[in-house]
Every structure is written in structure tokens, then in C-alpha cells.
């Protein structure tokens, strides 16, 4: 009887330890990036480094040379549109233009790219 009780306590202890261990590996996005600036603080945002892949994945299906203006498939056109005084690019992204869903980090990167001169 003592052996069975001992085995039950061991199994319960192992279950509790495993539950605590597995739960400790879970992170909320907010814990990884507590603010929008965390994903941009340590890097320089450039067209070729970050923005081109964003545009290729989300925009150039329509906004490419020969397609719908403005064009985002080349740096010159993307840069010229990004630095316009009206800053339409940022407002389009904040409002999820054409259903494009952008993360807080992507929005922060876009804002930083525009505010630092939309460099290549």
C-alpha cells in the first residue's frame, strides 16, 4: 500500500513539474516586443534591408512598374512616394489599405524608415 501511495505522489510531482516547465516557455508578443520601438531600436531600417520584402509581399502585386501608381518595386519610386509631405504611405498602412494586415512592428519599421529619410 505504501508503494502505491508513493508512486501516486511521484507521478503527481512529475506532472506538476512538467506543467510548470512547459508553461514557463510560453511568451506573449508583448513580452518579446513590449513597445513598438523595441523591434526598431537596434537596427537601421532601409529599403533593401526591410522595406523591399514588405512591399514585395504586400504591395507590388498592384503597385509595380507598369501597374497601379505609386510603384514600390524599385527604390526611387518608393522613396519619392514615402517622403511626400502628405505622408499617405504611412496612413494607408495604419488603415490596412486593401485589407493588408500589418503588425505593430511592421508599422513601427515603416514609420521609422519614412521619418529617417526613406533610405536605400
PDB file of N, CA and C in Angstrom:
ATOM      1  N   UNK A   1       0.811  -1.189   0.000  1.00  0.00           N
ATOM      2  CA  UNK A   1       0.000   0.000   0.000  1.00  0.00           C
ATOM      3  C   UNK A   1       0.859   1.260   0.000  1.00  0.00           C
ATOM      4  N   UNK A   2       1.944   1.231   0.821  1.00  0.00           N
ATOM      5  CA  UNK A   2       2.825   2.388   0.867  1.00  0.00           C
ATOM      6  C   UNK A   2       3.488   2.628  -0.485  1.00  0.00           C
ATOM      7  N   UNK A   3       3.844   1.550  -1.199  1.00  0.00           N
ATOM      8  CA  UNK A   3       4.472   1.699  -2.516  1.00  0.00           C
ATOM      9  C   UNK A   3       3.529   2.356  -3.521  1.00  0.00           C
ATOM     10  N   UNK A   4       2.235   1.972  -3.496  1.00  0.00           N
ATOM     11  CA  UNK A   4       1.263   2.563  -4.416  1.00  0.00           C
ATOM     12  C   UNK A   4       1.066   4.044  -4.116  1.00  0.00           C
ATOM     13  N   UNK A   5       0.986   4.388  -2.853  1.00  0.00           N
ATOM     14  CA  UNK A   5       0.834   5.786  -2.453  1.00  0.00           C
ATOM     15  C   UNK A   5       2.072   6.595  -2.859  1.00  0.00           C
ATOM     16  N   UNK A   6       3.236   6.019  -2.679  1.00  0.00           N
ATOM     17  CA  UNK A   6       4.493   6.661  -3.069  1.00  0.00           C
ATOM     18  C   UNK A   6       4.512   6.918  -4.579  1.00  0.00           C
ATOM     19  N   UNK A   7       4.092   5.934  -5.372  1.00  0.00           N
ATOM     20  CA  UNK A   7       4.067   6.060  -6.845  1.00  0.00           C
ATOM     21  C   UNK A   7       3.085   7.153  -7.259  1.00  0.00           C
ATOM     22  N   UNK A   8       1.933   7.255  -6.602  1.00  0.00           N
ATOM     23  CA  UNK A   8       0.959   8.298  -6.910  1.00  0.00           C
ATOM     24  C   UNK A   8       1.567   9.679  -6.646  1.00  0.00           C
ATOM     25  N   UNK A   9       2.263   9.836  -5.514  1.00  0.00           N
ATOM     26  CA  UNK A   9       2.903  11.113  -5.201  1.00  0.00           C
ATOM     27  C   UNK A   9       4.001  11.453  -6.203  1.00  0.00           C
ATOM     28  N   UNK A  10       4.764  10.479  -6.625  1.00  0.00           N
ATOM     29  CA  UNK A  10       5.831  10.702  -7.614  1.00  0.00           C
ATOM     30  C   UNK A  10       5.220  11.157  -8.948  1.00  0.00           C
ATOM     31  N   UNK A  11       4.180  10.452  -9.388  1.00  0.00           N
ATOM     32  CA  UNK A  11       3.523  10.825 -10.651  1.00  0.00           C
ATOM     33  C   UNK A  11       2.933  12.226 -10.573  1.00  0.00           C
ATOM     34  N   UNK A  12       2.302  12.539  -9.449  1.00  0.00           N
ATOM     35  CA  UNK A  12       1.728  13.879  -9.268  1.00  0.00           C
ATOM     36  C   UNK A  12       2.830  14.936  -9.284  1.00  0.00           C
ATOM     37  N   UNK A  13       3.929  14.643  -8.614  1.00  0.00           N
ATOM     38  CA  UNK A  13       5.052  15.585  -8.593  1.00  0.00           C
ATOM     39  C   UNK A  13       5.639  15.804  -9.977  1.00  0.00           C
ATOM     40  N   UNK A  14       5.803  14.731 -10.728  1.00  0.00           N
ATOM     41  CA  UNK A  14       6.338  14.841 -12.099  1.00  0.00           C
ATOM     42  C   UNK A  14       5.383  15.650 -12.967  1.00  0.00           C
ATOM     43  N   UNK A  15       4.083  15.406 -12.835  1.00  0.00           N
ATOM     44  CA  UNK A  15       3.082  16.150 -13.604  1.00  0.00           C
ATOM     45  C   UNK A  15       3.146  17.638 -13.287  1.00  0.00           C
ATOM     46  N   UNK A  16       3.257  17.988 -12.032  1.00  0.00           N
ATOM     47  CA  UNK A  16       3.333  19.400 -11.633  1.00  0.00           C
ATOM     48  C   UNK A  16       4.603  20.044 -12.179  1.00  0.00           C
ATOM     49  N   UNK A  17       5.728  19.365 -12.052  1.00  0.00           N
ATOM     50  CA  UNK A  17       6.999  19.904 -12.556  1.00  0.00           C
ATOM     51  C   UNK A  17       6.934  20.108 -14.069  1.00  0.00           C
ATOM     52  N   UNK A  18       6.385  19.136 -14.793  1.00  0.00           N
ATOM     53  CA  UNK A  18       6.284  19.264 -16.254  1.00  0.00           C
ATOM     54  C   UNK A  18       5.348  20.400 -16.642  1.00  0.00           C
ATOM     55  N   UNK A  19       4.234  20.545 -15.928  1.00  0.00           N
ATOM     56  CA  UNK A  19       3.297  21.632 -16.226  1.00  0.00           C
ATOM     57  C   UNK A  19       3.964  22.985 -16.011  1.00  0.00           C
ATOM     58  N   UNK A  20       4.712  23.131 -14.949  1.00  0.00           N
ATOM     59  CA  UNK A  20       5.418  24.388 -14.691  1.00  0.00           C
ATOM     60  C   UNK A  20       6.491  24.638 -15.735  1.00  0.00           C
ATOM     61  N   UNK A  21       7.205  23.603 -16.124  1.00  0.00           N
ATOM     62  CA  UNK A  21       8.256  23.739 -17.125  1.00  0.00           C
ATOM     63  C   UNK A  21       7.678  24.154 -18.468  1.00  0.00           C
ATOM     64  N   UNK A  22       6.633  23.481 -18.919  1.00  0.00           N
ATOM     65  CA  UNK A  22       6.033  23.797 -20.219  1.00  0.00           C
ATOM     66  C   UNK A  22       5.404  25.180 -20.214  1.00  0.00           C
ATOM     67  N   UNK A  23       4.794  25.570 -19.124  1.00  0.00           N
ATOM     68  CA  UNK A  23       4.176  26.886 -19.036  1.00  0.00           C
ATOM     69  C   UNK A  23       5.230  27.991 -19.038  1.00  0.00           C
ATOM     70  N   UNK A  24       6.407  27.716 -18.541  1.00  0.00           N
ATOM     71  CA  UNK A  24       7.445  28.746 -18.479  1.00  0.00           C
ATOM     72  C   UNK A  24       8.018  29.082 -19.850  1.00  0.00           C
ATOM     73  N   UNK A  25       7.756  28.257 -20.868  1.00  0.00           N
ATOM     74  CA  UNK A  25       8.264  28.509 -22.212  1.00  0.00           C
ATOM     75  C   UNK A  25       7.308  29.334 -23.056  1.00  0.00           C
ATOM     76  N   UNK A  26       6.161  29.711 -22.546  1.00  0.00           N
ATOM     77  CA  UNK A  26       5.167  30.465 -23.296  1.00  0.00           C
ATOM     78  C   UNK A  26       5.422  31.962 -23.130  1.00  0.00           C
ATOM     79  N   UNK A  27       5.417  32.688 -24.241  1.00  0.00           N
ATOM     80  CA  UNK A  27       5.605  34.134 -24.216  1.00  0.00           C
ATOM     81  C   UNK A  27       4.473  34.809 -24.962  1.00  0.00           C
ATOM     82  N   UNK A  28       4.014  35.906 -24.426  1.00  0.00           N
ATOM     83  CA  UNK A  28       3.091  36.759 -25.167  1.00  0.00           C
ATOM     84  C   UNK A  28       3.927  37.672 -26.044  1.00  0.00           C
ATOM     85  N   UNK A  29       3.374  38.105 -27.167  1.00  0.00           N
ATOM     86  CA  UNK A  29       4.081  39.023 -28.064  1.00  0.00           C
ATOM     87  C   UNK A  29       4.520  40.272 -27.313  1.00  0.00           C
ATOM     88  N   UNK A  30       3.677  40.752 -26.396  1.00  0.00           N
ATOM     89  CA  UNK A  30       4.000  41.967 -25.663  1.00  0.00           C
ATOM     90  C   UNK A  30       5.254  41.795 -24.810  1.00  0.00           C
ATOM     91  N   UNK A  31       5.520  40.565 -24.366  1.00  0.00           N
ATOM     92  CA  UNK A  31       6.715  40.335 -23.561  1.00  0.00           C
ATOM     93  C   UNK A  31       7.972  40.381 -24.417  1.00  0.00           C
ATOM     94  N   UNK A  32       7.854  39.962 -25.680  1.00  0.00           N
ATOM     95  CA  UNK A  32       9.007  39.967 -26.571  1.00  0.00           C
ATOM     96  C   UNK A  32       9.261  41.389 -27.083  1.00  0.00           C
ATOM     97  N   UNK A  33       8.194  42.062 -27.513  1.00  0.00           N
ATOM     98  CA  UNK A  33       8.276  43.439 -28.001  1.00  0.00           C
ATOM     99  C   UNK A  33       7.369  44.310 -27.130  1.00  0.00           C
ATOM    100  N   UNK A  34       7.836  44.736 -25.963  1.00  0.00           N
ATOM    101  CA  UNK A  34       6.956  45.479 -25.067  1.00  0.00           C
ATOM    102  C   UNK A  34       6.454  46.799 -25.630  1.00  0.00           C
ATOM    103  N   UNK A  35       7.131  47.363 -26.604  1.00  0.00           N
ATOM    104  CA  UNK A  35       6.635  48.571 -27.254  1.00  0.00           C
ATOM    105  C   UNK A  35       7.036  48.514 -28.719  1.00  0.00           C
ATOM    106  N   UNK A  36       6.420  49.358 -29.527  1.00  0.00           N
ATOM    107  CA  UNK A  36       6.723  49.360 -30.959  1.00  0.00           C
ATOM    108  C   UNK A  36       8.185  49.653 -31.242  1.00  0.00           C
ATOM    109  N   UNK A  37       8.827  50.427 -30.396  1.00  0.00           N
ATOM    110  CA  UNK A  37      10.207  50.807 -30.662  1.00  0.00           C
ATOM    111  C   UNK A  37      11.184  49.650 -30.484  1.00  0.00           C
ATOM    112  N   UNK A  38      10.819  48.622 -29.731  1.00  0.00           N
ATOM    113  CA  UNK A  38      11.748  47.522 -29.472  1.00  0.00           C
ATOM    114  C   UNK A  38      12.187  46.803 -30.736  1.00  0.00           C
ATOM    115  N   UNK A  39      11.322  46.725 -31.717  1.00  0.00           N
ATOM    116  CA  UNK A  39      11.684  45.993 -32.929  1.00  0.00           C
ATOM    117  C   UNK A  39      12.458  46.872 -33.905  1.00  0.00           C
ATOM    118  N   UNK A  40      12.635  48.141 -33.583  1.00  0.00           N
ATOM    119  CA  UNK A  40      13.366  49.041 -34.482  1.00  0.00           C
ATOM    120  C   UNK A  40      14.566  49.702 -33.826  1.00  0.00           C
ATOM    121  N   UNK A  41      14.684  49.637 -32.509  1.00  0.00           N
ATOM    122  CA  UNK A  41      15.722  50.378 -31.797  1.00  0.00           C
ATOM    123  C   UNK A  41      17.140  50.047 -32.247  1.00  0.00           C
ATOM    124  N   UNK A  42      17.423  48.785 -32.427  1.00  0.00           N
ATOM    125  CA  UNK A  42      18.812  48.397 -32.658  1.00  0.00           C
ATOM    126  C   UNK A  42      19.169  48.240 -34.132  1.00  0.00           C
ATOM    127  N   UNK A  43      18.258  48.554 -35.036  1.00  0.00           N
ATOM    128  CA  UNK A  43      18.563  48.388 -36.458  1.00  0.00           C
ATOM    129  C   UNK A  43      18.260  49.654 -37.237  1.00  0.00           C
ATOM    130  N   UNK A  44      18.963  49.799 -38.336  1.00  0.00           N
ATOM    131  CA  UNK A  44      18.677  50.868 -39.283  1.00  0.00           C
ATOM    132  C   UNK A  44      17.718  50.295 -40.311  1.00  0.00           C
ATOM    133  N   UNK A  45      16.588  50.932 -40.498  1.00  0.00           N
ATOM    134  CA  UNK A  45      15.580  50.455 -41.440  1.00  0.00           C
ATOM    135  C   UNK A  45      15.899  51.028 -42.817  1.00  0.00           C
ATOM    136  N   UNK A  46      16.046  50.148 -43.809  1.00  0.00           N
ATOM    137  CA  UNK A  46      16.339  50.584 -45.173  1.00  0.00           C
ATOM    138  C   UNK A  46      15.385  49.895 -46.149  1.00  0.00           C
ATOM    139  N   UNK A  47      15.352  50.427 -47.362  1.00  0.00           N
ATOM    140  CA  UNK A  47      14.522  49.823 -48.406  1.00  0.00           C
ATOM    141  C   UNK A  47      14.985  48.401 -48.686  1.00  0.00           C
ATOM    142  N   UNK A  48      16.287  48.239 -48.944  1.00  0.00           N
ATOM    143  CA  UNK A  48      16.792  46.911 -49.299  1.00  0.00           C
ATOM    144  C   UNK A  48      16.812  45.963 -48.102  1.00  0.00           C
ATOM    145  N   UNK A  49      16.986  46.496 -46.904  1.00  0.00           N
ATOM    146  CA  UNK A  49      17.079  45.645 -45.720  1.00  0.00           C
ATOM    147  C   UNK A  49      15.747  45.118 -45.222  1.00  0.00           C
ATOM    148  N   UNK A  50      14.731  45.961 -45.159  1.00  0.00           N
ATOM    149  CA  UNK A  50      13.442  45.543 -44.612  1.00  0.00           C
ATOM    150  C   UNK A  50      12.258  45.874 -45.526  1.00  0.00           C
ATOM    151  N   UNK A  51      12.252  47.074 -46.088  1.00  0.00           N
ATOM    152  CA  UNK A  51      11.039  47.548 -46.740  1.00  0.00           C
ATOM    153  C   UNK A  51      10.758  46.850 -48.072  1.00  0.00           C
ATOM    154  N   UNK A  52      11.777  46.515 -48.848  1.00  0.00           N
ATOM    155  CA  UNK A  52      11.533  45.867 -50.140  1.00  0.00           C
ATOM    156  C   UNK A  52      10.786  44.555 -49.959  1.00  0.00           C
ATOM    157  N   UNK A  53      11.180  43.746 -48.985  1.00  0.00           N
ATOM    158  CA  UNK A  53      10.474  42.481 -48.778  1.00  0.00           C
ATOM    159  C   UNK A  53       9.041  42.728 -48.318  1.00  0.00           C
ATOM    160  N   UNK A  54       8.832  43.757 -47.509  1.00  0.00           N
ATOM    161  CA  UNK A  54       7.465  44.109 -47.108  1.00  0.00           C
ATOM    162  C   UNK A  54       6.642  44.498 -48.332  1.00  0.00           C
ATOM    163  N   UNK A  55       7.191  45.386 -49.166  1.00  0.00           N
ATOM    164  CA  UNK A  55       6.470  45.814 -50.368  1.00  0.00           C
ATOM    165  C   UNK A  55       6.231  44.635 -51.307  1.00  0.00           C
ATOM    166  N   UNK A  56       7.246  43.792 -51.497  1.00  0.00           N
ATOM    167  CA  UNK A  56       7.093  42.632 -52.385  1.00  0.00           C
ATOM    168  C   UNK A  56       5.981  41.702 -51.898  1.00  0.00           C
ATOM    169  N   UNK A  57       5.886  41.509 -50.609  1.00  0.00           N
ATOM    170  CA  UNK A  57       4.889  40.588 -50.052  1.00  0.00           C
ATOM    171  C   UNK A  57       3.488  41.187 -49.975  1.00  0.00           C
ATOM    172  N   UNK A  58       3.388  42.511 -49.940  1.00  0.00           N
ATOM    173  CA  UNK A  58       2.089  43.131 -49.676  1.00  0.00           C
ATOM    174  C   UNK A  58       1.595  44.121 -50.726  1.00  0.00           C
ATOM    175  N   UNK A  59       2.480  44.673 -51.533  1.00  0.00           N
ATOM    176  CA  UNK A  59       2.076  45.813 -52.354  1.00  0.00           C
ATOM    177  C   UNK A  59       2.311  45.658 -53.853  1.00  0.00           C
ATOM    178  N   UNK A  60       3.399  45.005 -54.227  1.00  0.00           N
ATOM    179  CA  UNK A  60       3.798  45.027 -55.640  1.00  0.00           C
ATOM    180  C   UNK A  60       2.927  44.161 -56.541  1.00  0.00           C
ATOM    181  N   UNK A  61       1.976  43.441 -55.984  1.00  0.00           N
ATOM    182  CA  UNK A  61       1.009  42.748 -56.826  1.00  0.00           C
ATOM    183  C   UNK A  61       0.231  43.747 -57.674  1.00  0.00           C
ATOM    184  N   UNK A  62      -0.020  44.917 -57.118  1.00  0.00           N
ATOM    185  CA  UNK A  62      -0.703  46.005 -57.844  1.00  0.00           C
ATOM    186  C   UNK A  62       0.247  47.156 -58.155  1.00  0.00           C
ATOM    187  N   UNK A  63       1.093  47.512 -57.179  1.00  0.00           N
ATOM    188  CA  UNK A  63       1.937  48.708 -57.290  1.00  0.00           C
ATOM    189  C   UNK A  63       3.327  48.349 -57.798  1.00  0.00           C
ATOM    190  N   UNK A  64       3.404  48.026 -59.092  1.00  0.00           N
ATOM    191  CA  UNK A  64       4.678  47.711 -59.749  1.00  0.00           C
ATOM    192  C   UNK A  64       4.782  48.557 -61.008  1.00  0.00           C
ATOM    193  N   UNK A  65       5.999  48.702 -61.509  1.00  0.00           N
ATOM    194  CA  UNK A  65       6.206  49.490 -62.725  1.00  0.00           C
ATOM    195  C   UNK A  65       5.299  48.936 -63.816  1.00  0.00           C
ATOM    196  N   UNK A  66       4.508  49.814 -64.397  1.00  0.00           N
ATOM    197  CA  UNK A  66       3.549  49.409 -65.415  1.00  0.00           C
ATOM    198  C   UNK A  66       2.187  49.065 -64.825  1.00  0.00           C
ATOM    199  N   UNK A  67       2.089  49.030 -63.512  1.00  0.00           N
ATOM    200  CA  UNK A  67       0.820  48.735 -62.844  1.00  0.00           C
ATOM    201  C   UNK A  67       0.247  49.994 -62.225  1.00  0.00           C
ATOM    202  N   UNK A  68      -0.388  49.830 -61.092  1.00  0.00           N
ATOM    203  CA  UNK A  68      -1.024  50.941 -60.377  1.00  0.00           C
ATOM    204  C   UNK A  68       0.030  51.801 -59.678  1.00  0.00           C
ATOM    205  N   UNK A  69      -0.016  53.091 -59.915  1.00  0.00           N
ATOM    206  CA  UNK A  69       0.880  54.032 -59.244  1.00  0.00           C
ATOM    207  C   UNK A  69       0.382  54.223 -57.808  1.00  0.00           C
ATOM    208  N   UNK A  70       1.245  54.446 -56.836  1.00  0.00           N
ATOM    209  CA  UNK A  70       2.699  54.530 -56.873  1.00  0.00           C
ATOM    210  C   UNK A  70       3.338  53.143 -56.968  1.00  0.00           C
ATOM    211  N   UNK A  71       4.571  53.142 -57.428  1.00  0.00           N
ATOM    212  CA  UNK A  71       5.297  51.881 -57.629  1.00  0.00           C
ATOM    213  C   UNK A  71       6.216  51.625 -56.434  1.00  0.00           C
ATOM    214  N   UNK A  72       6.214  50.391 -55.970  1.00  0.00           N
ATOM    215  CA  UNK A  72       7.056  50.029 -54.834  1.00  0.00           C
ATOM    216  C   UNK A  72       8.061  48.941 -55.178  1.00  0.00           C
ATOM    217  N   UNK A  73       8.179  48.608 -56.460  1.00  0.00           N
ATOM    218  CA  UNK A  73       9.124  47.567 -56.854  1.00  0.00           C
ATOM    219  C   UNK A  73      10.520  48.102 -57.127  1.00  0.00           C
ATOM    220  N   UNK A  74      10.708  49.414 -56.957  1.00  0.00           N
ATOM    221  CA  UNK A  74      12.053  49.983 -57.099  1.00  0.00           C
ATOM    222  C   UNK A  74      12.232  51.078 -56.055  1.00  0.00           C
ATOM    223  N   UNK A  75      13.461  51.258 -55.632  1.00  0.00           N
ATOM    224  CA  UNK A  75      13.746  52.189 -54.544  1.00  0.00           C
ATOM    225  C   UNK A  75      13.350  53.615 -54.876  1.00  0.00           C
ATOM    226  N   UNK A  76      13.680  54.100 -56.059  1.00  0.00           N
ATOM    227  CA  UNK A  76      13.453  55.508 -56.395  1.00  0.00           C
ATOM    228  C   UNK A  76      11.988  55.887 -56.243  1.00  0.00           C
ATOM    229  N   UNK A  77      11.101  55.103 -56.821  1.00  0.00           N
ATOM    230  CA  UNK A  77       9.682  55.427 -56.731  1.00  0.00           C
ATOM    231  C   UNK A  77       9.152  55.268 -55.307  1.00  0.00           C
ATOM    232  N   UNK A  78       9.564  54.218 -54.618  1.00  0.00           N
ATOM    233  CA  UNK A  78       9.130  54.014 -53.233  1.00  0.00           C
ATOM    234  C   UNK A  78       9.615  55.163 -52.350  1.00  0.00           C
ATOM    235  N   UNK A  79      10.853  55.550 -52.527  1.00  0.00           N
ATOM    236  CA  UNK A  79      11.430  56.658 -51.756  1.00  0.00           C
ATOM    237  C   UNK A  79      10.678  57.957 -52.025  1.00  0.00           C
ATOM    238  N   UNK A  80      10.468  58.272 -53.297  1.00  0.00           N
ATOM    239  CA  UNK A  80       9.790  59.526 -53.645  1.00  0.00           C
ATOM    240  C   UNK A  80       8.375  59.573 -53.076  1.00  0.00           C
ATOM    241  N   UNK A  81       7.681  58.455 -53.074  1.00  0.00           N
ATOM    242  CA  UNK A  81       6.328  58.436 -52.522  1.00  0.00           C
ATOM    243  C   UNK A  81       6.363  58.516 -51.001  1.00  0.00           C
ATOM    244  N   UNK A  82       7.329  57.865 -50.380  1.00  0.00           N
ATOM    245  CA  UNK A  82       7.405  57.827 -48.915  1.00  0.00           C
ATOM    246  C   UNK A  82       7.689  59.202 -48.321  1.00  0.00           C
ATOM    247  N   UNK A  83       8.445  60.025 -49.031  1.00  0.00           N
ATOM    248  CA  UNK A  83       8.833  61.318 -48.454  1.00  0.00           C
ATOM    249  C   UNK A  83       7.905  62.455 -48.865  1.00  0.00           C
ATOM    250  N   UNK A  84       6.775  62.157 -49.504  1.00  0.00           N
ATOM    251  CA  UNK A  84       5.826  63.215 -49.847  1.00  0.00           C
ATOM    252  C   UNK A  84       5.314  63.864 -48.575  1.00  0.00           C
ATOM    253  N   UNK A  85       5.087  65.167 -48.615  1.00  0.00           N
ATOM    254  CA  UNK A  85       4.638  65.868 -47.404  1.00  0.00           C
ATOM    255  C   UNK A  85       3.342  65.310 -46.809  1.00  0.00           C
ATOM    256  N   UNK A  86       2.464  64.772 -47.632  1.00  0.00           N
ATOM    257  CA  UNK A  86       1.189  64.268 -47.109  1.00  0.00           C
ATOM    258  C   UNK A  86       1.344  62.944 -46.362  1.00  0.00           C
ATOM    259  N   UNK A  87       2.473  62.260 -46.569  1.00  0.00           N
ATOM    260  CA  UNK A  87       2.771  61.011 -45.882  1.00  0.00           C
ATOM    261  C   UNK A  87       1.630  60.003 -46.010  1.00  0.00           C
ATOM    262  N   UNK A  88       1.104  59.859 -47.223  1.00  0.00           N
ATOM    263  CA  UNK A  88      -0.005  58.936 -47.463  1.00  0.00           C
ATOM    264  C   UNK A  88       0.382  57.483 -47.196  1.00  0.00           C
ATOM    265  N   UNK A  89       1.622  57.141 -47.464  1.00  0.00           N
ATOM    266  CA  UNK A  89       2.058  55.755 -47.302  1.00  0.00           C
ATOM    267  C   UNK A  89       1.815  55.269 -45.883  1.00  0.00           C
ATOM    268  N   UNK A  90       2.229  56.050 -44.923  1.00  0.00           N
ATOM    269  CA  UNK A  90       2.055  55.665 -43.525  1.00  0.00           C
ATOM    270  C   UNK A  90       0.577  55.566 -43.160  1.00  0.00           C
ATOM    271  N   UNK A  91      -0.232  56.513 -43.615  1.00  0.00           N
ATOM    272  CA  UNK A  91      -1.648  56.475 -43.270  1.00  0.00           C
ATOM    273  C   UNK A  91      -2.347  55.292 -43.936  1.00  0.00           C
ATOM    274  N   UNK A  92      -1.957  54.938 -45.166  1.00  0.00           N
ATOM    275  CA  UNK A  92      -2.536  53.762 -45.810  1.00  0.00           C
ATOM    276  C   UNK A  92      -2.238  52.504 -45.004  1.00  0.00           C
ATOM    277  N   UNK A  93      -1.022  52.377 -44.540  1.00  0.00           N
ATOM    278  CA  UNK A  93      -0.648  51.180 -43.782  1.00  0.00           C
ATOM    279  C   UNK A  93      -1.334  51.135 -42.429  1.00  0.00           C
ATOM    280  N   UNK A  94      -1.468  52.284 -41.780  1.00  0.00           N
ATOM    281  CA  UNK A  94      -2.137  52.312 -40.488  1.00  0.00           C
ATOM    282  C   UNK A  94      -3.612  51.931 -40.619  1.00  0.00           C
ATOM    283  N   UNK A  95      -4.192  52.209 -41.780  1.00  0.00           N
ATOM    284  CA  UNK A  95      -5.598  51.888 -42.014  1.00  0.00           C
ATOM    285  C   UNK A  95      -5.785  50.599 -42.797  1.00  0.00           C
ATOM    286  N   UNK A  96      -4.735  49.792 -42.911  1.00  0.00           N
ATOM    287  CA  UNK A  96      -4.791  48.482 -43.581  1.00  0.00           C
ATOM    288  C   UNK A  96      -5.336  48.580 -45.006  1.00  0.00           C
ATOM    289  N   UNK A  97      -4.670  49.387 -45.812  1.00  0.00           N
ATOM    290  CA  UNK A  97      -5.031  49.589 -47.218  1.00  0.00           C
ATOM    291  C   UNK A  97      -5.251  48.260 -47.932  1.00  0.00           C
ATOM    292  N   UNK A  98      -6.372  48.134 -48.615  1.00  0.00           N
ATOM    293  CA  UNK A  98      -6.734  46.936 -49.378  1.00  0.00           C
ATOM    294  C   UNK A  98      -6.691  45.663 -48.540  1.00  0.00           C
ATOM    295  N   UNK A  99      -6.967  45.787 -47.251  1.00  0.00           N
ATOM    296  CA  UNK A  99      -7.021  44.616 -46.389  1.00  0.00           C
ATOM    297  C   UNK A  99      -5.666  44.087 -45.939  1.00  0.00           C
ATOM    298  N   UNK A 100      -4.595  44.819 -46.240  1.00  0.00           N
ATOM    299  CA  UNK A 100      -3.260  44.392 -45.806  1.00  0.00           C
ATOM    300  C   UNK A 100      -3.195  44.522 -44.289  1.00  0.00           C
ATOM    301  N   UNK A 101      -2.877  43.445 -43.634  1.00  0.00           N
ATOM    302  CA  UNK A 101      -2.763  43.451 -42.188  1.00  0.00           C
ATOM    303  C   UNK A 101      -1.291  43.599 -41.817  1.00  0.00           C
ATOM    304  N   UNK A 102      -0.967  44.682 -41.157  1.00  0.00           N
ATOM    305  CA  UNK A 102       0.420  44.922 -40.762  1.00  0.00           C
ATOM    306  C   UNK A 102       0.540  44.828 -39.246  1.00  0.00           C
ATOM    307  N   UNK A 103       1.614  44.205 -38.811  1.00  0.00           N
ATOM    308  CA  UNK A 103       1.853  44.089 -37.369  1.00  0.00           C
ATOM    309  C   UNK A 103       2.310  45.434 -36.817  1.00  0.00           C
ATOM    310  N   UNK A 104       2.266  45.562 -35.511  1.00  0.00           N
ATOM    311  CA  UNK A 104       2.749  46.788 -34.876  1.00  0.00           C
ATOM    312  C   UNK A 104       4.221  47.015 -35.201  1.00  0.00           C
ATOM    313  N   UNK A 105       4.986  45.929 -35.265  1.00  0.00           N
ATOM    314  CA  UNK A 105       6.407  46.038 -35.580  1.00  0.00           C
ATOM    315  C   UNK A 105       6.604  46.534 -37.013  1.00  0.00           C
ATOM    316  N   UNK A 106       5.836  46.004 -37.969  1.00  0.00           N
ATOM    317  CA  UNK A 106       5.950  46.468 -39.357  1.00  0.00           C
ATOM    318  C   UNK A 106       5.570  47.935 -39.470  1.00  0.00           C
ATOM    319  N   UNK A 107       4.539  48.350 -38.763  1.00  0.00           N
ATOM    320  CA  UNK A 107       4.131  49.759 -38.779  1.00  0.00           C
ATOM    321  C   UNK A 107       5.236  50.639 -38.193  1.00  0.00           C
ATOM    322  N   UNK A 108       5.849  50.162 -37.117  1.00  0.00           N
ATOM    323  CA  UNK A 108       6.940  50.922 -36.500  1.00  0.00           C
ATOM    324  C   UNK A 108       8.133  51.020 -37.446  1.00  0.00           C
ATOM    325  N   UNK A 109       8.439  49.921 -38.145  1.00  0.00           N
ATOM    326  CA  UNK A 109       9.545  49.950 -39.104  1.00  0.00           C
ATOM    327  C   UNK A 109       9.254  50.908 -40.249  1.00  0.00           C
ATOM    328  N   UNK A 110       8.032  50.883 -40.775  1.00  0.00           N
ATOM    329  CA  UNK A 110       7.659  51.788 -41.858  1.00  0.00           C
ATOM    330  C   UNK A 110       7.770  53.239 -41.397  1.00  0.00           C
ATOM    331  N   UNK A 111       7.239  53.529 -40.222  1.00  0.00           N
ATOM    332  CA  UNK A 111       7.309  54.902 -39.685  1.00  0.00           C
ATOM    333  C   UNK A 111       8.753  55.351 -39.518  1.00  0.00           C
ATOM    334  N   UNK A 112       9.591  54.460 -39.003  1.00  0.00           N
ATOM    335  CA  UNK A 112      10.996  54.814 -38.802  1.00  0.00           C
ATOM    336  C   UNK A 112      11.693  55.013 -40.146  1.00  0.00           C
ATOM    337  N   UNK A 113      11.395  54.151 -41.129  1.00  0.00           N
ATOM    338  CA  UNK A 113      12.008  54.287 -42.459  1.00  0.00           C
ATOM    339  C   UNK A 113      11.642  55.640 -43.050  1.00  0.00           C
ATOM    340  N   UNK A 114      10.382  56.024 -42.961  1.00  0.00           N
ATOM    341  CA  UNK A 114       9.936  57.303 -43.514  1.00  0.00           C
ATOM    342  C   UNK A 114      10.554  58.466 -42.741  1.00  0.00           C
ATOM    343  N   UNK A 115      10.511  58.408 -41.418  1.00  0.00           N
ATOM    344  CA  UNK A 115      10.997  59.538 -40.612  1.00  0.00           C
ATOM    345  C   UNK A 115      12.510  59.737 -40.696  1.00  0.00           C
ATOM    346  N   UNK A 116      13.246  58.695 -41.072  1.00  0.00           N
ATOM    347  CA  UNK A 116      14.700  58.838 -41.197  1.00  0.00           C
ATOM    348  C   UNK A 116      15.140  59.082 -42.648  1.00  0.00           C
ATOM    349  N   UNK A 117      14.170  59.398 -43.520  1.00  0.00           N
ATOM    350  CA  UNK A 117      14.524  59.794 -44.883  1.00  0.00           C
ATOM    351  C   UNK A 117      14.321  58.730 -45.938  1.00  0.00           C
ATOM    352  N   UNK A 118      13.700  57.609 -45.585  1.00  0.00           N
ATOM    353  CA  UNK A 118      13.403  56.525 -46.550  1.00  0.00           C
ATOM    354  C   UNK A 118      14.641  56.144 -47.356  1.00  0.00           C
ATOM    355  N   UNK A 119      15.677  55.727 -46.638  1.00  0.00           N
ATOM    356  CA  UNK A 119      16.966  55.402 -47.279  1.00  0.00           C
ATOM    357  C   UNK A 119      16.985  54.023 -47.924  1.00  0.00           C
ATOM    358  N   UNK A 120      17.910  53.869 -48.874  1.00  0.00           N
ATOM    359  CA  UNK A 120      18.071  52.604 -49.567  1.00  0.00           C
ATOM    360  C   UNK A 120      18.918  51.673 -48.725  1.00  0.00           C
TER     361      UNK A 120
END
